[in-house]
N, C-alpha and C. Protein backbone atom coordinates (compact mmCIF):
# COMPACT_ATOMS: atom_id res chain seq x y z
N MET A 1 0.82 -1.19 0.00
CA MET A 1 0.00 0.00 0.00
C MET A 1 0.87 1.26 0.00
N GLY A 2 1.99 1.21 0.67
CA GLY A 2 2.88 2.36 0.75
C GLY A 2 3.49 2.71 -0.59
N LYS A 3 3.79 1.70 -1.40
CA LYS A 3 4.37 1.94 -2.72
C LYS A 3 3.37 2.60 -3.66
N VAL A 4 2.11 2.17 -3.57
CA VAL A 4 1.06 2.74 -4.43
C VAL A 4 0.85 4.21 -4.08
N LEU A 5 0.78 4.51 -2.80
CA LEU A 5 0.60 5.89 -2.36
C LEU A 5 1.78 6.76 -2.80
N PHE A 6 2.99 6.22 -2.71
CA PHE A 6 4.17 6.95 -3.16
C PHE A 6 4.06 7.31 -4.64
N TRP A 7 3.68 6.33 -5.49
CA TRP A 7 3.58 6.59 -6.93
C TRP A 7 2.44 7.55 -7.26
N VAL A 8 1.37 7.50 -6.51
CA VAL A 8 0.26 8.45 -6.73
C VAL A 8 0.75 9.87 -6.45
N VAL A 9 1.48 10.04 -5.37
CA VAL A 9 2.01 11.36 -5.03
C VAL A 9 3.01 11.83 -6.08
N VAL A 10 3.86 10.95 -6.56
CA VAL A 10 4.85 11.31 -7.58
C VAL A 10 4.14 11.73 -8.88
N ILE A 11 3.14 10.97 -9.29
CA ILE A 11 2.42 11.29 -10.53
C ILE A 11 1.66 12.61 -10.40
N LEU A 12 1.00 12.83 -9.27
CA LEU A 12 0.30 14.12 -9.06
C LEU A 12 1.29 15.29 -9.06
N GLY A 13 2.44 15.11 -8.44
CA GLY A 13 3.45 16.16 -8.44
C GLY A 13 3.94 16.48 -9.84
N ALA A 14 4.16 15.45 -10.65
CA ALA A 14 4.60 15.65 -12.03
C ALA A 14 3.53 16.37 -12.84
N MET A 15 2.26 16.03 -12.62
CA MET A 15 1.17 16.70 -13.35
C MET A 15 1.07 18.18 -12.96
N ILE A 16 1.25 18.48 -11.70
CA ILE A 16 1.19 19.88 -11.24
C ILE A 16 2.34 20.68 -11.85
N ILE A 17 3.54 20.11 -11.85
CA ILE A 17 4.69 20.81 -12.43
C ILE A 17 4.50 21.03 -13.93
N ALA A 18 3.98 20.01 -14.63
CA ALA A 18 3.73 20.16 -16.07
C ALA A 18 2.71 21.26 -16.34
N ARG A 19 1.69 21.35 -15.52
CA ARG A 19 0.67 22.39 -15.71
C ARG A 19 1.25 23.78 -15.48
N ILE A 20 2.04 23.95 -14.47
CA ILE A 20 2.66 25.26 -14.20
C ILE A 20 3.57 25.67 -15.35
N VAL A 21 4.35 24.75 -15.87
CA VAL A 21 5.25 25.05 -16.98
C VAL A 21 4.46 25.42 -18.22
N SER A 22 3.38 24.70 -18.53
CA SER A 22 2.59 25.01 -19.72
C SER A 22 1.87 26.35 -19.59
N GLN A 23 1.41 26.70 -18.41
CA GLN A 23 0.77 28.01 -18.21
C GLN A 23 1.76 29.14 -18.40
N ASN A 24 2.98 28.97 -17.93
CA ASN A 24 4.00 30.01 -18.11
C ASN A 24 4.33 30.20 -19.58
N LYS A 25 4.42 29.11 -20.34
CA LYS A 25 4.70 29.20 -21.77
C LYS A 25 3.54 29.87 -22.51
N ALA A 26 2.31 29.52 -22.15
CA ALA A 26 1.14 30.11 -22.80
C ALA A 26 1.05 31.60 -22.50
N ARG A 27 1.39 32.00 -21.31
CA ARG A 27 1.33 33.41 -20.92
C ARG A 27 2.35 34.22 -21.71
N LYS A 28 3.50 33.65 -21.98
CA LYS A 28 4.53 34.35 -22.75
C LYS A 28 4.15 34.45 -24.23
N ARG A 29 3.40 33.47 -24.74
CA ARG A 29 3.02 33.44 -26.14
C ARG A 29 1.92 34.43 -26.49
N THR A 30 0.94 34.62 -25.63
CA THR A 30 -0.21 35.47 -25.95
C THR A 30 0.12 36.93 -25.75
N PRO A 31 -0.32 37.80 -26.68
CA PRO A 31 -0.09 39.24 -26.51
C PRO A 31 -0.99 39.78 -25.40
N PRO A 32 -0.64 40.91 -24.84
CA PRO A 32 -1.47 41.49 -23.78
C PRO A 32 -2.84 41.89 -24.33
N ASN A 33 -3.84 41.86 -23.46
CA ASN A 33 -5.21 42.19 -23.84
C ASN A 33 -5.32 43.70 -24.06
N PRO A 34 -5.74 44.16 -25.25
CA PRO A 34 -5.80 45.60 -25.51
C PRO A 34 -6.92 46.31 -24.77
N THR A 35 -7.88 45.56 -24.21
CA THR A 35 -8.99 46.21 -23.52
C THR A 35 -8.65 46.57 -22.08
N THR A 36 -7.56 46.07 -21.57
CA THR A 36 -7.19 46.40 -20.21
C THR A 36 -6.56 47.78 -20.16
N ARG A 37 -6.63 48.40 -19.03
CA ARG A 37 -6.04 49.73 -18.88
C ARG A 37 -4.52 49.62 -18.88
N PRO A 38 -3.86 50.62 -19.44
CA PRO A 38 -2.40 50.60 -19.39
C PRO A 38 -1.94 50.81 -17.95
N PRO A 39 -0.77 50.30 -17.60
CA PRO A 39 -0.29 50.49 -16.24
C PRO A 39 -0.06 51.96 -15.94
N ARG A 40 -0.26 52.32 -14.68
CA ARG A 40 -0.06 53.71 -14.26
C ARG A 40 1.39 54.11 -14.38
N LYS A 41 1.58 55.36 -14.71
CA LYS A 41 2.94 55.90 -14.76
C LYS A 41 3.46 56.03 -13.34
N LYS A 42 4.76 55.99 -13.23
CA LYS A 42 5.35 56.25 -11.92
C LYS A 42 5.14 57.72 -11.63
N GLY A 43 4.85 58.03 -10.43
CA GLY A 43 4.64 59.41 -10.06
C GLY A 43 3.29 59.60 -9.39
N GLY A 44 2.43 58.59 -9.43
CA GLY A 44 1.20 58.66 -8.68
C GLY A 44 0.01 59.13 -9.47
N ALA A 45 -1.00 59.55 -8.74
CA ALA A 45 -2.28 59.92 -9.33
C ALA A 45 -2.25 61.35 -9.85
N GLU A 46 -3.20 61.62 -10.73
CA GLU A 46 -3.34 62.95 -11.30
C GLU A 46 -4.11 63.85 -10.33
N GLU A 47 -3.87 65.13 -10.41
CA GLU A 47 -4.56 66.08 -9.54
C GLU A 47 -6.04 66.14 -9.89
N MET A 48 -6.90 66.14 -8.86
CA MET A 48 -8.34 66.21 -9.05
C MET A 48 -8.80 67.64 -8.82
N VAL A 49 -9.77 68.10 -9.64
CA VAL A 49 -10.35 69.43 -9.49
C VAL A 49 -11.86 69.29 -9.38
N ARG A 50 -12.51 70.33 -8.88
CA ARG A 50 -13.95 70.29 -8.62
C ARG A 50 -14.68 71.20 -9.60
N CYS A 51 -15.78 70.70 -10.15
CA CYS A 51 -16.62 71.50 -11.05
C CYS A 51 -17.28 72.61 -10.23
N ALA A 52 -17.24 73.84 -10.75
CA ALA A 52 -17.80 74.98 -10.03
C ALA A 52 -19.32 74.95 -10.03
N HIS A 53 -19.94 74.17 -10.90
CA HIS A 53 -21.41 74.13 -10.96
C HIS A 53 -21.98 72.97 -10.12
N CYS A 54 -21.55 71.75 -10.41
CA CYS A 54 -22.17 70.59 -9.74
C CYS A 54 -21.34 70.04 -8.58
N GLY A 55 -20.08 70.39 -8.49
CA GLY A 55 -19.25 69.96 -7.37
C GLY A 55 -18.58 68.61 -7.56
N ILE A 56 -18.74 67.98 -8.72
CA ILE A 56 -18.12 66.69 -8.95
C ILE A 56 -16.61 66.87 -9.12
N TYR A 57 -15.84 65.88 -8.64
CA TYR A 57 -14.39 65.91 -8.79
C TYR A 57 -14.01 65.10 -10.02
N LEU A 58 -13.07 65.62 -10.80
CA LEU A 58 -12.59 64.93 -11.99
C LEU A 58 -11.12 65.27 -12.20
N PRO A 59 -10.41 64.43 -12.97
CA PRO A 59 -8.99 64.70 -13.22
C PRO A 59 -8.80 66.02 -13.96
N ARG A 60 -7.74 66.73 -13.65
CA ARG A 60 -7.48 68.03 -14.26
C ARG A 60 -7.40 67.93 -15.78
N SER A 61 -6.90 66.83 -16.31
CA SER A 61 -6.77 66.69 -17.76
C SER A 61 -8.13 66.60 -18.46
N GLU A 62 -9.19 66.22 -17.75
CA GLU A 62 -10.52 66.11 -18.34
C GLU A 62 -11.38 67.34 -18.08
N ALA A 63 -10.92 68.26 -17.26
CA ALA A 63 -11.72 69.43 -16.88
C ALA A 63 -11.58 70.55 -17.90
N LEU A 64 -12.61 71.39 -17.98
CA LEU A 64 -12.56 72.61 -18.79
C LEU A 64 -12.22 73.76 -17.86
N MET A 65 -11.31 74.62 -18.29
CA MET A 65 -10.88 75.74 -17.47
C MET A 65 -11.35 77.03 -18.15
N SER A 66 -12.06 77.89 -17.38
CA SER A 66 -12.54 79.15 -17.92
C SER A 66 -12.84 80.10 -16.77
N ASN A 67 -12.42 81.37 -16.93
CA ASN A 67 -12.69 82.41 -15.93
C ASN A 67 -12.29 81.99 -14.51
N HIS A 68 -11.14 81.40 -14.38
CA HIS A 68 -10.60 80.96 -13.09
C HIS A 68 -11.47 79.93 -12.40
N HIS A 69 -12.27 79.19 -13.16
CA HIS A 69 -13.09 78.11 -12.62
C HIS A 69 -12.81 76.85 -13.43
N THR A 70 -13.13 75.71 -12.83
CA THR A 70 -13.04 74.44 -13.55
C THR A 70 -14.45 73.88 -13.72
N TRP A 71 -14.69 73.23 -14.86
CA TRP A 71 -16.01 72.72 -15.21
C TRP A 71 -15.89 71.29 -15.67
N CYS A 72 -16.95 70.50 -15.46
CA CYS A 72 -16.94 69.11 -15.92
C CYS A 72 -17.47 68.99 -17.34
N SER A 73 -18.24 70.00 -17.81
CA SER A 73 -18.78 69.95 -19.17
C SER A 73 -18.99 71.37 -19.68
N LEU A 74 -19.18 71.48 -20.98
CA LEU A 74 -19.42 72.77 -21.59
C LEU A 74 -20.76 73.36 -21.12
N GLU A 75 -21.75 72.50 -20.91
CA GLU A 75 -23.05 72.95 -20.43
C GLU A 75 -22.95 73.62 -19.07
N HIS A 76 -22.18 73.03 -18.17
CA HIS A 76 -22.01 73.63 -16.84
C HIS A 76 -21.20 74.91 -16.91
N ALA A 77 -20.28 75.01 -17.84
CA ALA A 77 -19.52 76.25 -18.02
C ALA A 77 -20.45 77.37 -18.50
N LYS A 78 -21.41 77.04 -19.36
CA LYS A 78 -22.37 78.04 -19.83
C LYS A 78 -23.32 78.48 -18.72
N ARG A 79 -23.69 77.57 -17.83
CA ARG A 79 -24.61 77.90 -16.74
C ARG A 79 -23.94 78.73 -15.65
N GLY A 80 -22.65 78.59 -15.49
CA GLY A 80 -21.94 79.36 -14.48
C GLY A 80 -21.90 78.66 -13.14
N PRO A 81 -21.21 79.29 -12.18
CA PRO A 81 -21.09 78.65 -10.86
C PRO A 81 -22.41 78.65 -10.11
N ARG A 82 -22.63 77.61 -9.37
CA ARG A 82 -23.83 77.51 -8.54
C ARG A 82 -23.59 78.24 -7.23
N ASN A 83 -24.57 78.95 -6.77
CA ASN A 83 -24.44 79.72 -5.52
C ASN A 83 -24.78 78.89 -4.33
């Protein structure tokens, strides 16, 4: 009984190692998925600004800047700041 158990463990170990090796090879072969987000640049997050009309926060690169205010959309820029 001890010999059978030994061979079962050896065969299972060989199967696990073969699976790990084949997954590593497959991962190297396939190109990266284009739908995933690109990795973040070193340097951290982008500065967030607040819309003067609705108060939502958005990245500075997506905001509209006009009359010393930031806006989330052209419509809110036309409406002006909320009091």
